[in-house]
Protein backbone atom coordinates (compact mmCIF):
# COMPACT_ATOMS: atom_id res chain seq x y z
CA MET A 1 86.59 149.22 172.94
CA HIS A 2 85.29 145.55 172.49
CA VAL A 3 81.70 143.49 172.70
CA ILE A 4 81.88 140.52 174.36
CA ALA A 5 79.86 137.29 174.07
CA TYR A 6 79.34 135.17 176.69
CA SER A 7 76.66 132.34 178.40
CA THR A 8 76.75 130.00 181.44
CA PRO A 9 75.77 126.51 182.21
CA ASN A 10 72.62 128.06 184.69
CA ARG A 11 71.59 130.07 181.44
CA PRO A 12 72.58 129.27 178.36
CA ASP A 13 71.39 132.05 176.19
CA TRP A 14 73.72 134.63 175.10
CA THR A 15 74.29 138.04 176.11
CA TRP A 16 76.86 140.78 175.32
CA ARG A 17 79.17 143.45 177.21
CA ILE A 18 81.03 146.67 175.87
CA ILE A 19 84.29 146.35 177.34
CA ASN A 20 87.05 149.06 177.43
CA ASN A 21 91.19 148.49 176.47
CA ALA A 22 91.44 148.39 180.25
CA GLY A 23 89.40 145.20 180.64
CA GLU A 24 86.19 147.01 182.85
CA VAL A 25 82.70 147.08 181.54
CA VAL A 26 80.78 149.61 180.12
CA GLU A 27 78.09 148.39 179.32
CA GLU A 28 76.19 144.78 179.42
CA SER A 29 72.97 143.80 178.01
CA ARG A 30 70.14 143.01 180.18
CA THR A 31 68.50 141.53 176.62
CA ARG A 32 69.40 137.51 176.37
CA TYR A 33 70.28 135.78 172.77
CA PRO A 34 69.18 132.54 171.24
CA THR A 35 73.15 132.66 169.03
CA ILE A 36 76.47 134.72 169.74
CA SER A 37 75.94 136.37 166.57
CA ALA A 38 72.95 137.83 167.24
CA ALA A 39 74.18 138.77 170.87
CA VAL A 40 77.72 140.56 169.43
CA SER A 41 75.53 142.09 166.42
CA GLU A 42 73.62 143.67 169.15
CA GLY A 43 76.34 144.91 171.11
CA THR A 44 78.18 146.15 168.48
CA GLY A 45 75.20 148.15 167.98
CA ARG A 46 74.74 149.71 171.08
CA MET A 47 78.78 150.73 170.76
CA LYS A 48 78.50 152.39 167.71
CA SER A 49 75.25 154.20 169.28
CA LEU A 50 77.10 155.46 172.71
CA ASN A 51 80.06 157.26 170.46
CA ILE A 52 82.38 156.71 173.35
CA LYS A 53 85.99 157.07 172.51
CA ASP A 54 87.69 154.40 174.77
CA THR A 55 90.80 156.81 176.30
CA SER A 56 91.96 153.63 178.77
CA THR A 57 94.86 151.87 178.93
CA ALA A 58 95.76 147.74 178.71
CA ALA A 59 97.20 146.40 182.17
CA LYS A 60 100.73 146.36 181.34
CA PRO A 61 102.21 142.76 181.68
CA GLY A 62 104.03 141.82 184.28
CA ARG A 63 104.74 139.46 186.98
CA ARG A 64 103.38 139.29 189.91
CA SER A 65 105.20 139.07 193.30
CA THR A 66 104.26 135.50 195.13
CA SER A 67 106.12 136.88 197.89
CA HIS A 68 102.47 136.64 200.21
CA LEU A 69 103.14 132.85 198.84
CA ARG A 70 106.45 132.06 200.97
CA ARG A 71 105.43 133.44 204.19
CA ARG A 72 103.73 130.45 204.93
């Protein structure tokens, strides 16, 4: 599992997300933080307190079909 922090132009404060190896969101903060380090620190603490074992697998990289583009 991983903790990421993000902000948007409309809301420049930071928030964290916990994601599993498959890229699915496990949990997201409702609180905004003034710095990226504060958001990551809080998210990491929350991830440890959840104590969840990540059994997901990452999506296999591969080519996506472009056949839908050729039907035009």
